[in-house]
Protein backbone atom coordinates (compact mmCIF):
# COMPACT_ATOMS: atom_id res chain seq x y z
CA MET A 1 94.70 49.58 -22.25
CA MET A 2 93.08 47.81 -19.27
CA ARG A 3 94.57 50.31 -16.92
CA SER A 4 92.61 53.17 -18.38
CA LEU A 5 89.43 51.18 -18.00
CA PHE A 6 90.09 50.51 -14.35
CA SER A 7 91.09 54.15 -13.72
CA GLY A 8 87.82 55.34 -15.30
CA VAL A 9 85.94 52.84 -13.04
CA SER A 10 87.64 54.27 -10.03
CA GLY A 11 86.69 57.79 -11.18
CA LEU A 12 83.20 56.80 -11.62
CA LYS A 13 82.82 55.13 -8.29
CA ASN A 14 84.45 57.78 -6.35
CA HIS A 15 82.69 60.72 -7.96
CA GLN A 16 79.41 58.75 -7.20
CA THR A 17 80.63 58.80 -3.60
CA ARG A 18 81.14 62.54 -3.78
CA MET A 19 77.79 62.96 -5.35
CA ASP A 20 76.28 60.79 -2.44
CA VAL A 21 77.83 63.18 0.12
CA ILE A 22 76.61 66.34 -1.72
CA GLY A 23 73.11 64.67 -1.82
CA ASN A 24 73.12 64.11 1.86
CA ASN A 25 74.27 67.80 2.52
CA ILE A 26 71.43 69.11 0.41
CA SER A 27 68.80 66.90 2.02
CA ASN A 28 69.80 68.15 5.33
CA VAL A 29 69.86 71.83 4.35
CA ASN A 30 67.12 72.35 7.03
CA THR A 31 68.17 69.99 9.63
CA TYR A 32 68.90 71.67 12.95
CA GLY A 33 72.48 71.43 13.97
CA PHE A 34 73.53 69.48 10.94
CA LYS A 35 77.19 69.92 9.81
CA THR A 36 78.05 69.75 6.18
CA SER A 37 80.65 67.24 4.89
CA ARG A 38 83.14 67.32 1.98
CA VAL A 39 84.98 64.66 0.02
CA SER A 40 88.73 64.94 -0.74
CA PHE A 41 90.32 62.76 -3.46
CA GLN A 42 93.78 61.29 -3.91
CA ASP A 43 95.58 59.27 -6.54
CA MET A 44 96.05 55.43 -6.12
CA LEU A 45 99.24 53.47 -6.56
CA SER A 46 101.26 54.07 -9.67
CA GLN A 47 102.75 51.28 -11.82
CA THR A 48 106.44 51.82 -12.39
CA ILE A 49 107.53 51.12 -15.97
CA SER A 50 111.16 52.15 -15.31
CA GLY A 51 112.78 53.48 -12.28
CA ALA A 52 114.83 56.73 -11.89
CA ALA A 53 118.56 56.69 -12.73
CA ARG A 54 121.06 59.01 -11.10
CA PRO A 55 123.29 61.35 -13.05
CA GLU A 56 126.64 59.95 -14.19
CA GLU A 57 129.72 61.50 -15.53
CA GLU A 58 128.71 61.11 -19.14
CA ARG A 59 124.94 61.37 -18.89
CA GLY A 60 122.35 63.09 -16.76
CA GLY A 61 119.75 61.48 -14.62
CA VAL A 62 116.57 59.86 -15.87
CA ASN A 63 113.21 60.29 -14.17
CA PRO A 64 110.91 57.36 -13.40
CA LYS A 65 108.32 56.41 -15.74
CA GLN A 66 105.03 55.57 -13.91
CA VAL A 67 101.35 55.14 -14.88
CA GLY A 68 98.73 56.02 -12.41
CA LEU A 69 96.10 53.35 -11.50
CA GLY A 70 93.27 55.61 -10.82
CA MET A 71 91.94 57.68 -7.75
CA THR A 72 90.26 56.94 -4.49
CA VAL A 73 88.65 58.83 -1.69
CA ALA A 74 91.17 60.43 0.61
CA SER A 75 88.71 61.60 3.39
CA ILE A 76 85.18 62.54 4.07
CA ASP A 77 85.47 65.53 6.38
CA ARG A 78 82.71 66.99 8.53
CA ILE A 79 82.92 70.90 8.65
CA PHE A 80 82.01 72.14 12.04
CA THR A 81 81.61 75.81 11.31
CA GLN A 82 78.93 77.78 13.11
CA GLY A 83 75.34 77.64 11.67
CA SER A 84 73.17 80.68 12.00
CA LEU A 85 70.73 80.97 14.89
CA GLN A 86 67.00 80.85 14.42
CA VAL A 87 64.83 82.39 17.12
CA THR A 88 62.10 80.05 18.14
CA GLY A 89 60.79 81.55 21.37
CA ASN A 90 60.55 78.08 23.06
CA GLN A 91 62.64 78.36 26.21
CA THR A 92 63.78 74.77 26.08
CA ASP A 93 65.17 75.14 22.61
CA LEU A 94 68.95 75.64 22.92
CA ALA A 95 71.57 76.45 20.48
CA ILE A 96 75.50 76.64 20.94
CA SER A 97 77.21 79.68 19.71
CA GLY A 98 80.76 78.45 19.42
CA ASP A 99 82.43 75.09 19.90
CA GLY A 100 80.92 72.20 21.88
CA PHE A 101 78.20 69.63 22.00
CA PHE A 102 75.28 68.77 24.31
CA VAL A 103 75.66 65.70 26.28
CA MET A 104 72.88 63.01 25.89
CA ALA A 105 72.39 59.82 27.77
CA ASP A 106 71.08 56.66 26.23
CA GLY A 107 71.13 54.42 29.36
CA ASP A 108 74.79 54.24 30.35
CA LYS A 109 75.92 55.38 26.97
CA SER A 110 76.77 59.14 26.26
CA LEU A 111 76.06 60.69 22.89
CA TYR A 112 76.75 64.18 21.67
CA THR A 113 74.74 66.55 19.51
CA ARG A 114 74.53 70.13 18.30
CA ALA A 115 70.78 70.02 17.78
CA GLY A 116 69.09 71.54 20.88
CA THR A 117 65.45 70.76 20.10
CA PHE A 118 64.68 69.80 23.78
CA SER A 119 61.56 69.68 25.80
CA THR A 120 60.31 68.18 29.25
CA ASP A 121 58.62 64.88 29.52
CA ARG A 122 55.80 64.21 32.15
CA ASP A 123 58.28 63.74 34.96
CA GLY A 124 59.92 67.22 34.08
CA THR A 125 63.04 65.57 32.65
CA LEU A 126 64.77 67.53 29.95
CA VAL A 127 64.82 65.28 26.87
CA ASN A 128 65.05 65.15 23.11
CA PRO A 129 61.33 64.39 22.35
CA SER A 130 62.16 62.61 19.05
CA ASN A 131 64.05 59.77 20.72
CA GLY A 132 63.76 60.31 24.51
CA LEU A 133 67.32 60.69 25.13
CA LYS A 134 68.00 62.74 28.31
CA VAL A 135 69.95 65.93 28.42
CA GLN A 136 72.82 65.72 30.97
CA GLY A 137 73.87 68.39 33.41
CA TRP A 138 74.23 68.94 37.15
CA MET A 139 71.20 69.40 39.51
CA ALA A 140 71.52 71.90 42.26
CA THR A 141 71.98 70.65 45.90
CA THR A 142 71.56 72.54 49.09
CA ASP A 143 74.20 73.46 51.61
CA ALA A 144 74.01 73.66 55.42
CA ASP A 145 72.11 76.89 55.14
CA ASN A 146 69.58 75.47 52.70
CA ASN A 147 71.12 77.62 49.85
CA PRO A 148 71.31 76.07 46.37
CA VAL A 149 74.71 74.94 45.13
CA LEU A 150 75.77 73.77 41.70
CA ASN A 151 78.74 71.32 41.73
CA THR A 152 79.89 71.31 38.05
CA GLN A 153 82.98 69.10 38.94
CA GLY A 154 80.77 66.16 39.65
CA THR A 155 79.63 63.56 37.17
CA PRO A 156 76.60 64.88 34.83
CA ASP A 157 73.29 63.38 35.51
CA ASP A 158 69.61 63.84 34.16
CA LEU A 159 68.23 67.24 34.37
CA VAL A 160 64.77 67.64 36.00
CA ILE A 161 62.81 70.88 35.81
CA PRO A 162 60.25 70.61 38.62
CA ILE A 163 57.44 72.75 37.21
CA TYR A 164 54.74 73.66 39.86
CA GLN A 165 56.87 72.03 42.63
CA LYS A 166 56.60 73.65 46.13
CA LEU A 167 59.48 75.77 47.49
CA ASN A 168 59.45 75.48 51.30
CA ALA A 169 59.10 78.66 53.27
CA LYS A 170 62.38 80.08 54.66
CA GLU A 171 62.80 81.81 57.95
CA THR A 172 64.56 85.19 57.75
CA SER A 173 67.94 84.84 59.43
CA PHE A 174 69.31 88.46 58.73
CA VAL A 175 68.33 91.92 57.81
CA ARG A 176 71.08 94.16 56.31
CA TYR A 177 70.66 97.96 56.59
CA GLN A 178 72.16 100.66 54.39
CA CYS A 179 70.67 104.00 55.33
CA ASN A 180 71.84 107.40 56.48
CA LEU A 181 70.87 109.40 59.64
CA ASP A 182 70.83 113.17 59.14
CA SER A 183 73.47 114.57 61.48
CA LYS A 184 71.62 117.87 61.48
CA LEU A 185 68.60 116.37 63.26
CA PRO A 186 68.06 117.72 66.80
CA ILE A 187 69.04 115.74 69.88
CA ILE A 188 65.96 114.04 71.50
CA PRO A 189 66.34 113.22 75.25
CA ASP A 190 65.16 109.88 76.50
CA SER A 191 62.86 111.66 78.80
CA MET A 192 60.73 112.85 76.01
CA PRO A 193 57.45 111.08 75.64
CA ALA A 194 57.42 108.26 73.28
CA ALA A 195 54.69 109.93 71.08
CA GLN A 196 56.65 113.09 70.77
CA ARG A 197 59.87 111.14 70.08
CA ALA A 198 58.30 109.10 67.34
CA SER A 199 57.35 112.16 65.29
CA ALA A 200 61.04 113.36 65.22
CA ALA A 201 62.69 109.91 64.89
CA VAL A 202 63.94 108.12 61.78
CA VAL A 203 61.84 104.93 61.16
CA THR A 204 62.86 102.08 58.74
CA ASN A 205 60.55 98.99 57.93
CA ILE A 206 61.30 95.82 56.18
CA ASP A 207 59.26 92.54 56.00
CA THR A 208 60.62 89.40 57.33
CA TYR A 209 59.31 85.87 57.49
CA ASP A 210 59.04 83.14 60.25
CA ASN A 211 59.61 79.44 60.00
CA LEU A 212 56.14 79.05 58.59
CA GLY A 213 56.51 81.71 55.95
CA ASP A 214 54.27 84.25 57.71
CA PRO A 215 55.39 87.78 57.28
CA HIS A 216 56.37 89.95 60.07
CA ARG A 217 57.36 93.56 59.70
CA VAL A 218 60.51 94.68 61.68
CA THR A 219 60.45 98.38 62.57
CA LEU A 220 63.65 99.98 63.56
CA THR A 221 63.22 103.51 65.12
CA LEU A 222 66.31 105.61 65.60
CA TRP A 223 66.56 108.97 67.31
CA LYS A 224 69.54 111.25 68.18
CA THR A 225 70.40 111.21 71.96
CA ALA A 226 73.82 113.12 71.83
CA THR A 227 76.41 114.28 69.48
CA ASN A 228 77.40 111.40 67.27
CA GLU A 229 75.22 108.95 69.30
CA TRP A 230 71.78 107.53 68.45
CA THR A 231 69.45 105.24 70.18
CA ALA A 232 67.75 102.42 68.14
CA SER A 233 64.49 100.60 69.17
CA ALA A 234 63.21 97.47 67.55
CA ALA A 235 59.61 96.21 67.05
CA MET A 236 57.92 93.43 65.21
CA THR A 237 54.35 93.03 64.21
CA ASP A 238 52.50 89.96 65.40
CA ALA A 239 55.21 88.90 67.82
CA GLU A 240 54.02 87.40 71.12
CA GLY A 241 55.50 88.90 74.20
CA PRO A 242 58.38 91.26 74.46
CA VAL A 243 60.94 91.87 71.59
CA THR A 244 64.32 92.33 72.81
CA LEU A 245 67.45 93.75 70.95
CA ASP A 246 70.78 92.26 72.00
CA VAL A 247 74.20 93.41 70.60
CA ASN A 248 76.59 90.52 69.79
CA ALA A 249 79.61 91.21 71.95
CA LEU A 250 82.82 89.90 70.45
CA THR A 251 84.64 89.23 73.78
CA GLY A 252 83.55 88.39 77.35
CA GLU A 253 80.17 87.21 78.49
CA ASN A 254 77.26 88.06 76.24
CA LEU A 255 74.70 89.40 78.65
CA PRO A 256 71.11 89.34 77.52
CA ASN A 257 69.62 92.80 77.04
CA PRO A 258 66.24 92.90 78.67
CA ASN A 259 64.69 95.62 76.48
CA SER A 260 64.40 96.48 72.71
CA ARG A 261 66.94 99.21 72.58
CA MET A 262 70.61 99.60 71.67
CA ARG A 263 72.95 102.58 71.12
CA LEU A 264 74.97 103.51 68.07
CA THR A 265 78.03 105.66 68.17
CA PHE A 266 79.51 107.46 65.11
CA SER A 267 82.94 108.95 64.46
CA PRO A 268 83.08 112.68 63.72
CA ASP A 269 83.26 111.90 59.93
CA GLY A 270 79.90 109.95 60.06
CA LYS A 271 81.03 106.40 60.21
CA LEU A 272 79.47 103.85 62.53
CA VAL A 273 82.13 102.70 65.09
CA LEU A 274 80.40 101.20 67.98
CA ALA A 275 77.04 99.38 68.88
CA SER A 276 76.14 98.68 72.49
CA ASP A 277 73.33 97.35 74.65
CA ASP A 278 71.15 99.87 76.22
CA ALA A 279 70.94 98.15 79.58
CA THR A 280 74.14 95.98 79.68
CA SER A 281 77.82 96.45 79.15
CA ASP A 282 77.91 94.45 75.85
CA SER A 283 79.36 96.36 72.93
CA VAL A 284 81.31 95.79 69.76
CA ASN A 285 83.51 98.22 68.04
CA SER A 286 85.43 96.26 65.32
CA GLY A 287 84.52 94.13 62.31
CA ASN A 288 80.84 93.58 61.53
CA LEU A 289 78.54 95.35 63.89
CA SER A 290 75.25 93.34 64.48
CA ALA A 291 72.53 92.85 66.96
CA ASN A 292 69.93 90.04 67.47
CA VAL A 293 66.15 90.58 67.58
CA ASN A 294 64.77 88.00 69.89
CA TYR A 295 60.97 87.25 69.55
CA ARG A 296 58.25 84.58 69.81
CA ILE A 297 55.41 83.83 67.42
CA ALA A 298 51.96 82.39 68.18
CA GLY A 299 51.82 78.67 68.75
CA ASP A 300 55.57 78.30 69.10
CA PRO A 301 57.11 78.76 72.58
CA ALA A 302 60.69 78.73 71.26
CA VAL A 303 62.51 82.19 71.08
CA ARG A 304 63.27 83.02 67.41
CA THR A 305 66.30 85.12 66.58
CA LEU A 306 66.82 87.46 63.73
CA ARG A 307 70.25 89.20 63.09
CA LEU A 308 70.41 92.98 62.21
CA ASP A 309 73.53 93.66 60.18
CA LEU A 310 74.38 97.33 60.80
CA GLY A 311 77.68 97.58 58.82
CA THR A 312 81.40 97.30 59.36
CA SER A 313 82.99 99.44 62.00
CA GLY A 314 84.71 102.45 60.37
CA MET A 315 83.11 101.81 56.96
CA ILE A 316 80.29 103.25 55.10
CA ASN A 317 78.63 100.08 53.95
CA GLY A 318 75.89 100.05 56.49
CA ILE A 319 74.29 102.78 58.70
CA THR A 320 75.98 106.24 58.45
CA GLN A 321 75.51 109.64 59.80
CA PHE A 322 76.20 112.33 57.26
CA SER A 323 74.89 115.83 56.82
CA SER A 324 72.28 114.59 54.28
CA PRO A 325 68.55 113.78 54.36
CA SER A 326 67.82 110.62 56.41
CA THR A 327 67.15 107.50 54.43
CA THR A 328 65.32 104.46 55.70
CA LYS A 329 66.37 101.42 53.86
CA GLY A 330 66.59 97.71 54.90
CA VAL A 331 68.21 96.64 51.76
CA GLU A 332 68.15 92.83 52.13
CA GLN A 333 66.61 89.89 54.04
CA ASP A 334 66.92 86.21 53.13
CA GLY A 335 63.45 84.84 54.13
CA TYR A 336 60.32 84.08 51.91
CA SER A 337 56.96 82.44 52.19
CA MET A 338 56.07 79.02 50.45
CA GLY A 339 55.92 79.25 46.64
CA TYR A 340 55.39 77.16 43.50
CA MET A 341 57.70 77.12 40.55
CA GLU A 342 55.88 78.88 37.70
CA ALA A 343 58.53 79.42 35.02
CA PHE A 344 62.23 78.95 34.34
CA ASN A 345 64.97 80.37 32.29
CA ILE A 346 68.31 79.32 30.98
CA ASP A 347 71.32 81.65 30.71
CA ASN A 348 74.36 81.60 28.48
CA SER A 349 76.31 79.30 30.90
CA GLY A 350 73.44 76.80 30.88
CA VAL A 351 72.16 77.58 34.43
CA ILE A 352 68.51 76.74 34.74
CA THR A 353 66.80 79.24 37.15
CA GLY A 354 63.38 78.49 38.61
CA VAL A 355 61.06 81.41 39.04
CA TYR A 356 58.57 80.88 41.90
CA SER A 357 55.27 82.42 42.72
CA ASN A 358 56.71 84.10 45.93
CA GLY A 359 59.13 86.13 43.95
CA ILE A 360 62.17 83.91 44.51
CA GLN A 361 64.53 82.90 41.83
CA ARG A 362 66.98 80.17 42.46
CA PRO A 363 69.12 77.75 40.31
CA ILE A 364 67.86 74.37 39.90
CA GLY A 365 70.41 72.86 37.59
CA GLN A 366 72.92 73.56 34.76
CA VAL A 367 73.25 72.13 31.24
CA ALA A 368 76.51 70.39 30.48
CA MET A 369 78.63 70.86 27.45
CA SER A 370 81.49 68.94 25.87
CA VAL A 371 84.37 69.68 23.59
CA PHE A 372 86.72 67.28 21.78
CA THR A 373 90.36 67.72 20.73
CA ASN A 374 89.29 66.51 17.25
CA PRO A 375 85.57 66.88 16.68
CA GLN A 376 86.12 65.57 13.10
CA GLY A 377 87.06 62.30 14.51
CA LEU A 378 83.58 61.78 15.99
CA THR A 379 81.37 59.02 14.51
CA ALA A 380 77.94 60.02 13.32
CA VAL A 381 75.24 57.60 14.50
CA GLY A 382 72.29 59.10 13.11
CA GLU A 383 69.44 61.34 14.67
CA ASN A 384 71.91 64.39 14.80
CA LEU A 385 74.04 62.44 17.28
CA PHE A 386 77.76 61.58 17.51
CA GLU A 387 79.74 59.27 19.61
CA MET A 388 83.52 59.13 20.58
CA SER A 389 85.89 57.36 18.40
CA ASN A 390 89.55 56.31 18.64
CA ASN A 391 90.60 59.59 17.00
CA SER A 392 88.26 62.10 18.53
CA GLY A 393 89.79 62.38 21.87
CA LEU A 394 87.95 62.14 25.15
CA ALA A 395 85.06 64.28 26.09
CA ASN A 396 85.99 67.24 27.97
CA ILE A 397 82.61 67.99 29.87
CA GLY A 398 82.06 71.19 31.83
CA GLU A 399 80.26 74.56 31.97
CA ALA A 400 79.28 76.43 28.81
CA ASN A 401 81.23 79.58 28.12
CA GLN A 402 84.23 78.28 29.76
CA GLY A 403 87.35 76.20 28.67
CA GLY A 404 86.84 76.79 24.96
CA ARG A 405 83.17 75.80 25.11
CA GLY A 406 80.75 78.00 23.33
CA LYS A 407 77.83 79.89 25.14
CA ILE A 408 74.25 78.55 25.25
CA VAL A 409 71.53 80.75 23.58
CA ALA A 410 68.05 79.73 24.94
CA GLY A 411 64.91 80.14 22.68
CA THR A 412 66.95 79.57 19.63
CA LEU A 413 68.19 76.68 17.39
CA GLU A 414 71.27 76.33 15.31
CA MET A 415 70.55 75.92 11.62
CA SER A 416 72.42 73.65 9.20
CA ASN A 417 75.66 75.07 7.93
CA VAL A 418 75.01 73.85 4.38
CA ASP A 419 75.68 76.46 1.88
CA LEU A 420 73.51 75.67 -1.24
CA SER A 421 75.59 77.74 -3.65
CA ASP A 422 78.70 75.61 -2.66
CA GLN A 423 76.82 72.41 -2.99
CA PHE A 424 75.39 73.22 -6.42
CA THR A 425 78.80 74.26 -7.60
CA ASP A 426 80.27 71.00 -6.29
CA MET A 427 77.51 69.20 -7.87
CA ILE A 428 78.37 70.61 -11.32
CA ILE A 429 82.10 69.84 -10.77
CA THR A 430 81.24 66.35 -9.77
CA GLN A 431 79.07 65.75 -12.72
CA ARG A 432 81.68 66.90 -15.06
CA GLY A 433 84.18 64.65 -13.42
CA PHE A 434 81.83 61.70 -13.73
CA GLN A 435 81.19 62.38 -17.42
CA ALA A 436 84.91 62.71 -18.17
CA ASN A 437 85.56 59.34 -16.56
CA SER A 438 82.73 57.74 -18.40
CA ARG A 439 84.36 59.02 -21.66
CA THR A 440 87.58 57.47 -20.60
CA ILE A 441 85.86 54.11 -20.43
CA THR A 442 84.03 54.61 -23.75
CA THR A 443 87.24 55.62 -25.53
CA SER A 444 89.15 52.71 -24.04
CA ASP A 445 86.33 50.34 -25.12
CA GLN A 446 86.52 51.71 -28.82
CA MET A 447 90.27 51.26 -28.77
CA LEU A 448 89.88 47.69 -27.64
CA GLN A 449 87.35 47.22 -30.33
CA GLU A 450 89.85 48.35 -33.00
CA VAL A 451 92.33 45.81 -31.75
CA ILE A 452 89.73 43.09 -32.03
CA ASN A 453 88.80 44.21 -35.56
CA LEU A 454 92.66 43.64 -36.67
CA LYS A 455 91.99 40.09 -37.49
CA ARG A 456 89.15 40.80 -39.83
């Protein structure tokens, strides 16, 4: 008789636990990044009244007689299914589409979350504004050429977004050309006056920058001097003194060219095959064909050098000579003036790209993400945060959209994955289970009362 009472009590207690979990799920239906939980039950130990007997020659086997002693909670599992994404328009709001967690730092302690409600503090650090925990990732460093580099193999650190910070001016080191010279143009002898030659030449312009960020327009003038041969002359605005053009010879002594001319030779099928100085024997006919523009600027006695990349010998990735209209295009140069960071954006791999007032865009950092072998083994510590446990596995930290990690969607937040229809259905089932167990206790009590009344 007492067994049924205690079984009913265990049913009441554990159904109350299930109701507690349901209540927590419903209360967090609008919590960003929240993951719903479920309760699984299992029966408790059973009291054996008689054991099993094996079959014998004259009689068959006998099954054991056991009375269950109630039920208990088998597990409370957190369900990490994807929540829907809500567009917020706030660039620092981040959502994860797929598996993974953001990595947060609380001093030397690492915590993990799916809720990407981030913003910057007064120092530009990317944080969770509700608790001040810092978002972890990798800040960009610079290589020997002052180009930004992201080392995602290193240890994650605090992410700082330097809004309105200066970007130093960068001197142009090269100009890459990708243009065509019309093979049908007439031959212009060198003896022709410069004014007449300019009217029939092909002229291309591109703005470059010195070490102070001042712009200088580089003008390359090309005219046909023989079949499959052209002469090129370089000029630069605001340069002090002469501007010289010197082909980079691959072998032998590189003799300085005293003037601003060089010669380009093309194959019969229109491909650039040779670049040579106009006044020296320096030439190059293999690999990358290039020439240096040497110049000086006001206030600086040092000679500056700018490389002109003309293309690869025998290829069509640079200057060509086909029977098509001439094009004048310097497609790329790597210099810029000083600028201020005015905005930033975050892509699907978590790279934070700064947008500067001088038109330059460069990576300044990358948000780190972590995945776990068993995310259900993580321990919830409140504030939408989790920490590692003995059964979660180690944090596998790396770039988003790689190694099983989901992609990052900026300007959105992940909603809770709580399904209210499921929760209300579970609530009804839990209520009925609680009521049924209460009836077990009531009925057992009535039976005990009858036993007590036997003495009357």
